[in-house]
Amino acid sequence: MEPAIAQAPAKIQPSSINSLTLPEGDGYLLGAGDRVKIDVFSVPEITGEYTVLPNGTLNMPLVGAVGVQNRTLKQASGAIAARYSPVLQIPVITVNLVAARPIRVAIAGEINRPGSYTVTAAASQPDGNLPTMTRLVQLAEGVTQVADLRQVQVRRLRPVGSGGDQVVTVDLWQLLQAGDLRQDLRLQDGDSILIPATATVNLDEARQLASANFATQNSRPLKITIVGQVNRPGPYTLLEGNVAQGAQLVNPNLLQVPSVTRAIQVAGGITQLADIRNIQVKRFTRSGAPQLVKLDLWKLLKAGDALQDLPLQDGDTVEIPEATSVSDREISELATASFSPERISVNVVGEVERPGAVSIQPNTPLNQAILTAGGFNQKAKKSNVSLIRVNPNGSVSKRDISIDLTRGVGENDNPALRNNDIIIVKKTGFATFLDSTSTFIGPFSGILGVLRIFGGF
């Protein structure tokens, strides 16, 4: 598929892309710094290599300066032949490009570092050819995730005497999907490139774009914000790699760029109130109009839909809303997800060896939490304990649970625990009686001790 030519951007039609034919040899416009070889038939004294001077001319023997600025090789051949007509009977002249000058091009739109760039042919291609579109995009640190690769526009100077600028539409998506190298347009000095934003984000295409060699560079840190139902909301800087960032957990199963689940992990994981079916990513474009991308991580958990784990770009805001209702089954399933907290905290109070907060894995059974706290002490009532839980709807529930340390996980007698659960281990009746008796006779035992000192008893 060939890119298309039009006189102005407003006239470019997607259906006209097939009509473009840019001749590789004759489409190049000469300028200061180009080195060319001029062959003059049967005149070896003039044949040789020449450099275009800063004023856009070639200094030729016998005839002096010949203007070639913004002329194609064919036009330059004609201009030189015209100057030699008074000198040579039948001047047959050909001009070939030996070494292209560094070119200056501009790129704007959905690119990480828009601006103007000077690119040398030797730095861009091993064979000395002109730099290409994808090479320039790489120099500008890649396209953003909202780039419309199907409508990349290149504004190009026309040769001398050909009228106004030429506008070319390039479809880089065809380069990704079909390997169409014709879409990787060779650039010329003075080209201006505009990469527009898409109207909507396609999750499938976003994942493919993130793996392209002209996407955002992997080493580029991303500054994002995550708000809502995560344990540590706020701004974060995500770095590429599969290692921990300080005390922050990083998923080893990464995309080429950080994704939504990785951002959630770095923010401490979701809370039990998170509505993972309606996560939104707010993404800003260069034009200023934000895009909203809706994600359903429940599809990722239940159906393995990896497209829901959207690659992020610099400046994204991830919003995780609060669920209106969550079933106990869903809470238990979410607790084992990779983007849930690695550890939860529960409080074991009363008659255990080490009362207080204990850190355990999600869905740890009640019996194991008691053992983590050192187990029952000598005063503990070992037949049952009380479990106090704050429910997602804000209510507080309390229930007594019979204890059998040999039982497996079960909702009635050994339930899986949630973050901030409280386990109360009571005293036995006899231990309570002894403590009460000690409290009652304590003052009298002190008086009796004093009397014994003075020999009264």
Protein backbone atom coordinates (compact mmCIF):
# COMPACT_ATOMS: atom_id res chain seq x y z
CA MET A 1 0.00 0.00 0.00
CA GLU A 2 1.46 3.37 -1.07
CA PRO A 3 1.07 6.67 0.88
CA ALA A 4 -1.10 9.39 -0.71
CA ILE A 5 -0.40 12.90 -2.06
CA ALA A 6 -2.66 15.91 -1.53
CA GLN A 7 -2.29 19.69 -1.76
CA ALA A 8 -3.49 20.40 1.79
CA PRO A 9 -4.24 18.30 4.90
CA ALA A 10 -7.97 18.97 4.65
CA LYS A 11 -8.10 17.32 1.24
CA ILE A 12 -6.37 14.10 2.22
CA GLN A 13 -8.73 11.11 1.98
CA PRO A 14 -7.90 7.70 3.50
CA SER A 15 -8.92 6.04 0.23
CA SER A 16 -6.24 7.97 -1.69
CA ILE A 17 -3.29 6.39 0.09
CA ASN A 18 -2.76 3.92 -2.81
CA SER A 19 -2.10 6.74 -5.28
CA LEU A 20 1.28 7.94 -3.98
CA THR A 21 4.45 7.09 -5.88
CA LEU A 22 7.61 8.78 -4.61
CA PRO A 23 10.60 8.02 -6.87
CA GLU A 24 13.51 7.12 -4.64
CA GLY A 25 16.24 8.54 -6.87
CA ASP A 26 14.58 11.55 -8.46
CA GLY A 27 12.46 12.67 -5.49
CA TYR A 28 15.46 13.91 -3.50
CA LEU A 29 15.98 17.70 -3.40
CA LEU A 30 19.56 18.89 -3.40
CA GLY A 31 20.86 21.33 -0.84
CA ALA A 32 24.01 22.70 0.79
CA GLY A 33 26.33 19.92 1.93
CA ASP A 34 25.24 17.23 -0.55
CA ARG A 35 28.04 15.48 -2.37
CA VAL A 36 27.26 14.47 -5.95
CA LYS A 37 29.06 12.79 -8.82
CA ILE A 38 28.68 14.50 -12.20
CA ASP A 39 29.36 12.46 -15.31
CA VAL A 40 29.90 14.44 -18.54
CA PHE A 41 29.91 12.09 -21.52
CA SER A 42 33.31 12.04 -23.27
CA VAL A 43 34.65 14.91 -21.12
CA PRO A 44 36.68 13.30 -18.26
CA GLU A 45 38.16 16.69 -17.36
CA ILE A 46 34.80 17.83 -15.99
CA THR A 47 33.56 14.47 -14.69
CA GLY A 48 34.05 14.12 -10.92
CA GLU A 49 32.60 14.61 -7.43
CA TYR A 50 31.37 18.02 -6.27
CA THR A 51 29.85 19.41 -3.07
CA VAL A 52 26.87 21.75 -3.07
CA LEU A 53 28.06 25.04 -1.57
CA PRO A 54 26.26 26.90 1.28
CA ASN A 55 24.62 29.21 -1.31
CA GLY A 56 23.04 26.17 -3.03
CA THR A 57 25.34 26.15 -6.08
CA LEU A 58 27.89 23.84 -7.66
CA ASN A 59 31.19 25.42 -8.76
CA MET A 60 31.72 23.85 -12.18
CA PRO A 61 34.81 24.13 -14.41
CA LEU A 62 34.56 26.60 -17.31
CA VAL A 63 31.03 27.81 -16.46
CA GLY A 64 31.30 28.65 -12.74
CA ALA A 65 28.36 28.54 -10.31
CA VAL A 66 25.26 26.51 -11.20
CA GLY A 67 22.24 26.76 -8.88
CA VAL A 68 20.86 23.37 -7.73
CA GLN A 69 19.15 24.27 -4.41
CA ASN A 70 15.77 22.46 -4.05
CA ARG A 71 16.23 20.77 -7.43
CA THR A 72 15.92 17.06 -8.10
CA LEU A 73 18.87 15.18 -9.58
CA LYS A 74 17.18 15.26 -12.96
CA GLN A 75 16.56 19.01 -12.74
CA ALA A 76 20.17 19.56 -11.66
CA SER A 77 21.37 17.59 -14.69
CA GLY A 78 19.29 19.81 -16.95
CA ALA A 79 20.53 23.02 -15.30
CA ILE A 80 24.18 21.98 -15.67
CA ALA A 81 23.65 20.87 -19.28
CA ALA A 82 22.08 24.26 -20.08
CA ARG A 83 25.14 26.08 -18.70
CA TYR A 84 27.50 23.90 -20.78
CA SER A 85 25.53 24.27 -24.02
CA PRO A 86 27.67 27.22 -25.23
CA VAL A 87 30.82 25.26 -24.41
CA LEU A 88 30.02 21.67 -25.40
CA GLN A 89 28.42 20.69 -28.68
CA ILE A 90 26.07 18.06 -27.22
CA PRO A 91 26.35 18.07 -23.40
CA VAL A 92 25.17 14.71 -22.01
CA ILE A 93 25.26 15.04 -18.22
CA THR A 94 24.07 12.81 -15.37
CA VAL A 95 24.07 13.67 -11.65
CA ASN A 96 24.11 11.01 -8.90
CA LEU A 97 24.00 11.48 -5.15
CA VAL A 98 27.14 10.20 -3.43
CA ALA A 99 26.55 11.34 0.17
CA ALA A 100 23.45 13.03 1.51
CA ARG A 101 23.78 16.07 3.76
CA PRO A 102 22.40 16.07 7.33
CA ILE A 103 18.72 16.86 7.14
CA ARG A 104 16.63 19.00 9.48
CA VAL A 105 13.07 17.81 10.09
CA ALA A 106 10.31 18.63 12.59
CA ILE A 107 7.92 16.26 14.34
CA ALA A 108 4.85 17.14 16.41
CA GLY A 109 1.69 15.60 17.84
CA GLU A 110 1.56 12.32 19.77
CA ILE A 111 5.30 11.94 20.24
CA ASN A 112 7.21 11.94 23.53
CA ARG A 113 9.73 14.62 22.53
CA PRO A 114 8.28 16.83 19.79
CA GLY A 115 10.51 19.39 18.09
CA SER A 116 13.09 19.73 15.32
CA TYR A 117 15.89 17.24 14.74
CA THR A 118 19.04 17.19 12.63
CA VAL A 119 19.75 13.69 11.35
CA THR A 120 22.74 12.52 9.37
CA ALA A 121 22.42 9.79 6.79
CA ALA A 122 25.40 7.87 8.17
CA ALA A 123 23.91 7.83 11.69
CA SER A 124 20.57 6.55 10.51
CA GLN A 125 21.35 3.94 7.88
CA PRO A 126 24.43 1.71 7.47
CA ASP A 127 24.35 2.14 3.69
CA GLY A 128 24.30 5.93 3.83
CA ASN A 129 20.71 6.22 2.64
CA LEU A 130 18.32 8.86 3.86
CA PRO A 131 16.81 8.53 7.36
CA THR A 132 13.33 7.05 7.55
CA MET A 133 10.13 7.93 9.39
CA THR A 134 10.55 5.27 12.10
CA ARG A 135 14.17 6.34 12.69
CA LEU A 136 13.03 9.87 13.45
CA VAL A 137 10.23 8.62 15.73
CA GLN A 138 12.81 6.59 17.65
CA LEU A 139 15.04 9.66 18.03
CA ALA A 140 12.02 11.51 19.44
CA GLU A 141 11.64 8.71 22.06
CA GLY A 142 8.65 7.03 20.50
CA VAL A 143 4.97 7.65 19.88
CA THR A 144 2.46 7.90 22.71
CA GLN A 145 -0.24 5.30 23.33
CA VAL A 146 -2.92 7.52 21.74
CA ALA A 147 -1.09 8.03 18.42
CA ASP A 148 -3.16 7.46 15.28
CA LEU A 149 -0.63 5.54 13.20
CA ARG A 150 -2.99 5.33 10.23
CA GLN A 151 -3.04 9.08 9.61
CA VAL A 152 0.56 10.27 10.00
CA GLN A 153 1.00 13.36 7.83
CA VAL A 154 4.23 14.55 6.23
CA ARG A 155 4.42 18.05 4.73
CA ARG A 156 7.21 18.23 2.16
CA LEU A 157 8.74 20.93 -0.03
CA ARG A 158 8.16 20.48 -3.75
CA PRO A 159 10.95 20.88 -6.34
CA VAL A 160 11.60 24.30 -7.83
CA GLY A 161 8.76 25.35 -10.12
CA SER A 162 6.31 22.70 -8.85
CA GLY A 163 4.02 24.91 -6.77
CA GLY A 164 3.16 24.64 -3.06
CA ASP A 165 4.04 22.05 -0.47
CA GLN A 166 3.19 18.38 -0.84
CA VAL A 167 1.26 16.55 1.92
CA VAL A 168 1.75 12.80 2.27
CA THR A 169 -0.34 10.49 4.50
CA VAL A 170 1.56 7.49 5.82
CA ASP A 171 -0.03 4.40 7.43
CA LEU A 172 2.48 3.07 9.96
CA TRP A 173 -0.12 0.55 11.15
CA GLN A 174 0.38 -1.26 7.83
CA LEU A 175 4.08 -1.39 8.63
CA LEU A 176 3.28 -3.09 11.97
CA GLN A 177 0.58 -5.42 10.68
CA ALA A 178 1.77 -6.34 7.19
CA GLY A 179 5.44 -5.35 7.20
CA ASP A 180 4.82 -2.80 4.42
CA LEU A 181 8.18 -1.03 4.23
CA ARG A 182 6.79 1.49 1.75
CA GLN A 183 5.05 3.13 4.70
CA ASP A 184 8.44 3.76 6.38
CA LEU A 185 8.90 6.86 4.25
CA ARG A 186 12.41 8.17 3.60
CA LEU A 187 12.62 11.71 4.90
CA GLN A 188 13.94 14.81 3.18
CA ASP A 189 15.34 18.07 4.44
CA GLY A 190 12.55 20.37 5.59
CA ASP A 191 9.93 17.65 6.17
CA SER A 192 7.32 18.37 8.86
CA ILE A 193 5.60 15.37 10.47
CA LEU A 194 2.33 15.46 12.41
CA ILE A 195 1.11 12.41 14.36
CA PRO A 196 -2.54 12.95 15.32
CA ALA A 197 -4.41 11.40 18.26
CA THR A 198 -6.97 8.64 17.91
CA ALA A 199 -10.59 9.32 18.78
CA THR A 200 -10.78 6.21 21.02
CA VAL A 201 -8.31 3.69 22.44
CA ASN A 202 -8.49 0.15 21.07
CA LEU A 203 -7.20 -2.23 23.77
CA ASP A 204 -5.93 -4.81 21.26
CA GLU A 205 -4.06 -2.21 19.22
CA ALA A 206 -2.70 -0.52 22.36
CA ARG A 207 -0.96 -3.73 23.35
CA GLN A 208 0.51 -4.19 19.87
CA LEU A 209 1.64 -0.57 19.75
CA ALA A 210 3.43 -0.94 23.07
CA SER A 211 5.60 -3.70 21.57
CA ALA A 212 6.61 -1.73 18.46
CA ASN A 213 10.24 -0.63 18.13
CA PHE A 214 9.11 2.97 17.65
CA ALA A 215 6.87 3.06 20.73
CA THR A 216 7.86 4.71 24.01
CA GLN A 217 11.36 3.65 25.04
CA ASN A 218 11.43 0.97 27.74
CA SER A 219 13.92 2.88 29.89
CA ARG A 220 11.76 5.99 30.05
CA PRO A 221 10.29 6.52 33.57
CA LEU A 222 6.55 7.13 33.62
CA LYS A 223 4.89 9.53 36.03
CA ILE A 224 1.35 8.37 36.73
CA THR A 225 -1.31 8.92 39.40
CA ILE A 226 -3.52 6.25 40.93
CA VAL A 227 -6.55 7.17 43.03
CA GLY A 228 -9.53 5.45 44.60
CA GLN A 229 -9.62 2.02 46.17
CA VAL A 230 -5.92 1.24 46.56
CA ASN A 231 -4.01 1.09 49.80
CA ARG A 232 -1.59 3.93 48.96
CA PRO A 233 -3.19 6.31 46.44
CA GLY A 234 -1.11 9.12 44.97
CA PRO A 235 1.50 9.92 42.29
CA TYR A 236 4.13 7.33 41.34
CA THR A 237 7.08 7.02 39.00
CA LEU A 238 7.17 3.63 37.31
CA LEU A 239 10.45 2.22 36.04
CA GLU A 240 10.89 -0.61 33.57
CA GLY A 241 12.31 -3.92 34.81
CA ASN A 242 11.39 -6.89 36.95
CA VAL A 243 12.98 -5.80 40.21
CA ALA A 244 11.51 -4.12 43.27
CA GLN A 245 11.51 -0.34 43.47
CA GLY A 246 12.53 0.30 47.07
CA ALA A 247 9.87 -1.31 49.24
CA GLN A 248 7.37 -1.41 46.38
CA LEU A 249 6.36 -4.73 44.87
CA VAL A 250 6.76 -5.14 41.13
CA ASN A 251 5.10 -7.85 39.04
CA PRO A 252 7.72 -10.00 37.29
CA ASN A 253 5.28 -10.68 34.41
CA LEU A 254 5.61 -7.28 32.74
CA LEU A 255 4.66 -5.84 29.39
CA GLN A 256 7.30 -3.82 27.58
CA VAL A 257 5.92 -0.76 29.34
CA PRO A 258 4.33 -0.59 32.81
CA SER A 259 0.67 -1.60 32.86
CA VAL A 260 -2.38 -0.93 35.03
CA THR A 261 -1.89 -3.98 37.27
CA ARG A 262 1.71 -3.00 37.90
CA ALA A 263 0.62 0.50 38.93
CA ILE A 264 -1.92 -1.03 41.34
CA GLN A 265 0.78 -3.23 42.86
CA VAL A 266 3.12 -0.30 43.39
CA ALA A 267 0.23 1.54 45.11
CA GLY A 268 -0.11 -1.27 47.66
CA GLY A 269 -2.80 -3.29 45.91
CA ILE A 270 -6.57 -2.90 45.80
CA THR A 271 -8.78 -2.66 48.87
CA GLN A 272 -11.69 -5.05 49.46
CA LEU A 273 -14.03 -2.24 48.35
CA ALA A 274 -12.48 -1.93 44.87
CA ASP A 275 -14.78 -2.20 41.85
CA ILE A 276 -12.37 -3.79 39.39
CA ARG A 277 -15.09 -4.05 36.71
CA ASN A 278 -15.20 -0.29 36.17
CA ILE A 279 -11.61 0.94 36.34
CA GLN A 280 -10.96 4.07 34.28
CA VAL A 281 -7.72 5.42 32.84
CA LYS A 282 -7.75 9.13 32.07
CA ARG A 283 -5.23 9.89 29.34
CA PHE A 284 -4.31 13.32 28.03
CA THR A 285 -3.45 14.01 24.40
CA ARG A 286 -1.27 16.73 22.90
CA SER A 287 -4.42 18.46 21.69
CA GLY A 288 -5.57 18.79 25.31
CA ALA A 289 -8.74 16.67 25.08
CA PRO A 290 -8.50 13.76 27.57
CA GLN A 291 -9.49 10.22 26.66
CA LEU A 292 -11.24 7.85 29.07
CA VAL A 293 -10.43 4.15 28.77
CA LYS A 294 -12.68 1.74 30.68
CA LEU A 295 -11.12 -1.51 31.91
CA ASP A 296 -12.58 -4.67 33.46
CA LEU A 297 -9.93 -6.52 35.43
CA TRP A 298 -12.52 -9.14 36.39
CA LYS A 299 -12.27 -10.35 32.77
CA LEU A 300 -8.51 -10.58 33.27
CA LEU A 301 -8.99 -12.77 36.37
CA LYS A 302 -11.80 -15.00 35.09
CA ALA A 303 -11.18 -15.22 31.33
CA GLY A 304 -7.47 -14.35 31.07
CA ASP A 305 -8.23 -11.29 28.91
CA ALA A 306 -4.77 -9.69 28.96
CA LEU A 307 -6.04 -6.77 26.85
CA GLN A 308 -7.63 -5.36 30.01
CA ASP A 309 -4.14 -4.82 31.47
CA LEU A 310 -3.62 -1.60 29.50
CA PRO A 311 -0.04 -0.36 28.97
CA LEU A 312 0.34 3.05 30.60
CA GLN A 313 1.91 6.22 29.30
CA ASP A 314 3.36 9.27 31.00
CA GLY A 315 0.69 11.43 32.69
CA ASP A 316 -2.01 8.74 32.97
CA THR A 317 -4.42 8.77 35.92
CA VAL A 318 -5.85 5.42 37.04
CA GLU A 319 -9.18 5.65 38.90
CA ILE A 320 -10.47 2.63 40.85
CA PRO A 321 -14.04 3.27 42.08
CA GLU A 322 -15.75 1.84 45.16
CA ALA A 323 -18.02 -1.13 44.60
CA THR A 324 -21.67 -0.75 45.62
CA SER A 325 -21.87 -4.42 46.63
CA VAL A 326 -19.31 -7.22 46.79
CA SER A 327 -20.04 -10.85 47.60
CA ASP A 328 -17.93 -12.85 50.04
CA ARG A 329 -16.94 -15.17 47.22
CA GLU A 330 -15.61 -12.32 45.09
CA ILE A 331 -13.70 -10.86 48.02
CA SER A 332 -11.97 -14.21 48.56
CA GLU A 333 -11.11 -14.50 44.85
CA LEU A 334 -9.80 -10.93 44.66
CA ALA A 335 -7.57 -11.55 47.67
CA THR A 336 -5.50 -14.02 45.64
CA ALA A 337 -5.07 -11.75 42.59
CA SER A 338 -1.58 -10.53 41.70
CA PHE A 339 -2.73 -6.90 42.11
CA SER A 340 -4.06 -7.46 45.64
CA PRO A 341 -1.83 -6.83 48.70
CA GLU A 342 0.75 -9.52 49.39
CA ARG A 343 0.02 -9.35 53.13
CA ILE A 344 -2.92 -8.34 55.28
CA SER A 345 -3.04 -7.30 58.94
CA VAL A 346 -5.38 -8.79 61.54
CA ASN A 347 -5.52 -8.20 65.28
CA VAL A 348 -5.47 -11.13 67.71
CA VAL A 349 -6.29 -9.90 71.23
CA GLY A 350 -6.93 -11.56 74.58
CA GLU A 351 -5.47 -14.79 75.82
CA VAL A 352 -2.71 -15.59 73.34
CA GLU A 353 1.04 -15.59 73.86
CA ARG A 354 1.73 -12.56 71.63
CA PRO A 355 -1.43 -10.44 71.38
CA GLY A 356 -1.56 -7.64 68.84
CA ALA A 357 -1.42 -7.14 65.06
CA VAL A 358 -0.10 -10.01 62.97
CA SER A 359 0.84 -9.92 59.27
CA ILE A 360 -0.48 -12.86 57.25
CA GLN A 361 -1.21 -13.75 53.65
CA PRO A 362 -4.69 -13.05 52.24
CA ASN A 363 -7.29 -15.77 52.88
CA THR A 364 -5.27 -17.19 55.77
CA PRO A 365 -7.63 -19.26 58.00
CA LEU A 366 -8.49 -18.15 61.51
CA ASN A 367 -6.67 -21.08 63.17
CA GLN A 368 -3.38 -20.11 61.51
CA ALA A 369 -3.70 -16.51 62.69
CA ILE A 370 -4.07 -17.71 66.29
CA LEU A 371 -0.97 -19.87 65.90
CA THR A 372 0.92 -16.94 64.36
CA ALA A 373 0.14 -14.99 67.54
CA GLY A 374 1.85 -17.72 69.58
CA GLY A 375 -1.23 -19.84 70.23
CA PHE A 376 -3.44 -19.96 73.34
CA ASN A 377 -1.96 -19.16 76.73
CA GLN A 378 -2.87 -20.99 79.97
CA LYS A 379 -5.87 -18.77 80.71
CA ALA A 380 -7.44 -19.05 77.23
CA LYS A 381 -10.87 -20.45 76.58
CA LYS A 382 -9.93 -22.84 73.79
CA SER A 383 -13.40 -23.94 72.78
CA ASN A 384 -14.40 -20.77 70.85
CA VAL A 385 -13.31 -17.26 69.91
CA SER A 386 -15.06 -14.12 68.66
CA LEU A 387 -14.48 -12.71 65.16
CA ILE A 388 -15.25 -9.02 64.56
CA ARG A 389 -15.33 -7.86 60.92
CA VAL A 390 -16.01 -4.55 59.17
CA ASN A 391 -18.11 -5.40 56.10
CA PRO A 392 -17.84 -3.62 52.70
CA ASN A 393 -21.18 -1.84 53.34
CA GLY A 394 -19.78 -0.26 56.53
CA SER A 395 -21.59 -2.50 59.01
CA VAL A 396 -19.76 -4.41 61.75
CA SER A 397 -20.46 -8.09 62.38
CA LYS A 398 -19.51 -10.23 65.35
CA ARG A 399 -19.82 -13.98 65.65
CA ASP A 400 -18.57 -16.72 67.93
CA ILE A 401 -16.66 -19.51 66.22
CA SER A 402 -15.97 -22.95 67.64
CA ILE A 403 -12.28 -23.79 67.54
CA ASP A 404 -10.72 -27.03 66.40
CA LEU A 405 -7.09 -26.56 65.36
CA THR A 406 -7.20 -29.77 63.31
CA ARG A 407 -9.89 -28.47 60.93
CA GLY A 408 -9.24 -27.18 57.42
CA VAL A 409 -10.56 -23.94 55.99
CA GLY A 410 -14.33 -23.56 56.34
CA GLU A 411 -16.58 -20.53 56.46
CA ASN A 412 -18.41 -21.73 59.60
CA ASP A 413 -15.64 -23.11 61.82
CA ASN A 414 -12.33 -21.86 60.33
CA PRO A 415 -13.08 -18.91 58.01
CA ALA A 416 -10.56 -17.19 55.73
CA LEU A 417 -9.60 -13.84 57.21
CA ARG A 418 -9.75 -10.37 55.66
CA ASN A 419 -7.72 -7.27 56.26
CA ASN A 420 -8.38 -5.60 59.66
CA ASP A 421 -10.32 -8.55 61.12
CA ILE A 422 -10.22 -8.78 64.93
CA ILE A 423 -10.02 -12.12 66.79
CA ILE A 424 -10.88 -12.05 70.52
CA VAL A 425 -9.68 -14.97 72.65
CA LYS A 426 -11.51 -15.01 75.99
CA LYS A 427 -10.49 -16.42 79.38
CA THR A 428 -11.89 -19.60 80.85
CA GLY A 429 -14.50 -19.22 83.57
CA PHE A 430 -12.10 -20.47 86.23
CA ALA A 431 -9.37 -18.02 85.15
CA THR A 432 -11.90 -15.21 85.28
CA PHE A 433 -12.92 -16.28 88.80
CA LEU A 434 -9.30 -16.41 90.01
CA ASP A 435 -8.59 -12.97 88.58
CA SER A 436 -11.70 -11.58 90.29
CA THR A 437 -10.79 -13.18 93.63
CA SER A 438 -7.26 -11.83 93.37
CA THR A 439 -8.63 -8.38 92.75
CA PHE A 440 -10.96 -8.62 95.79
CA ILE A 441 -8.47 -9.94 98.36
CA GLY A 442 -5.50 -7.99 97.07
CA PRO A 443 -5.91 -5.02 99.47
CA PHE A 444 -6.45 -7.33 102.49
CA SER A 445 -3.35 -9.35 101.78
CA GLY A 446 -1.37 -6.13 101.91
CA ILE A 447 -2.79 -5.21 105.37
CA LEU A 448 -2.11 -8.68 106.72
CA GLY A 449 1.49 -8.41 105.62
CA VAL A 450 1.95 -5.17 107.55
CA LEU A 451 0.45 -6.67 110.70
CA ARG A 452 2.78 -9.65 110.51
CA ILE A 453 5.73 -7.28 110.54
CA PHE A 454 4.65 -5.88 113.89
CA GLY A 455 3.89 -9.31 115.34
CA GLY A 456 0.16 -8.81 115.54
CA PHE A 457 -0.55 -12.09 113.70
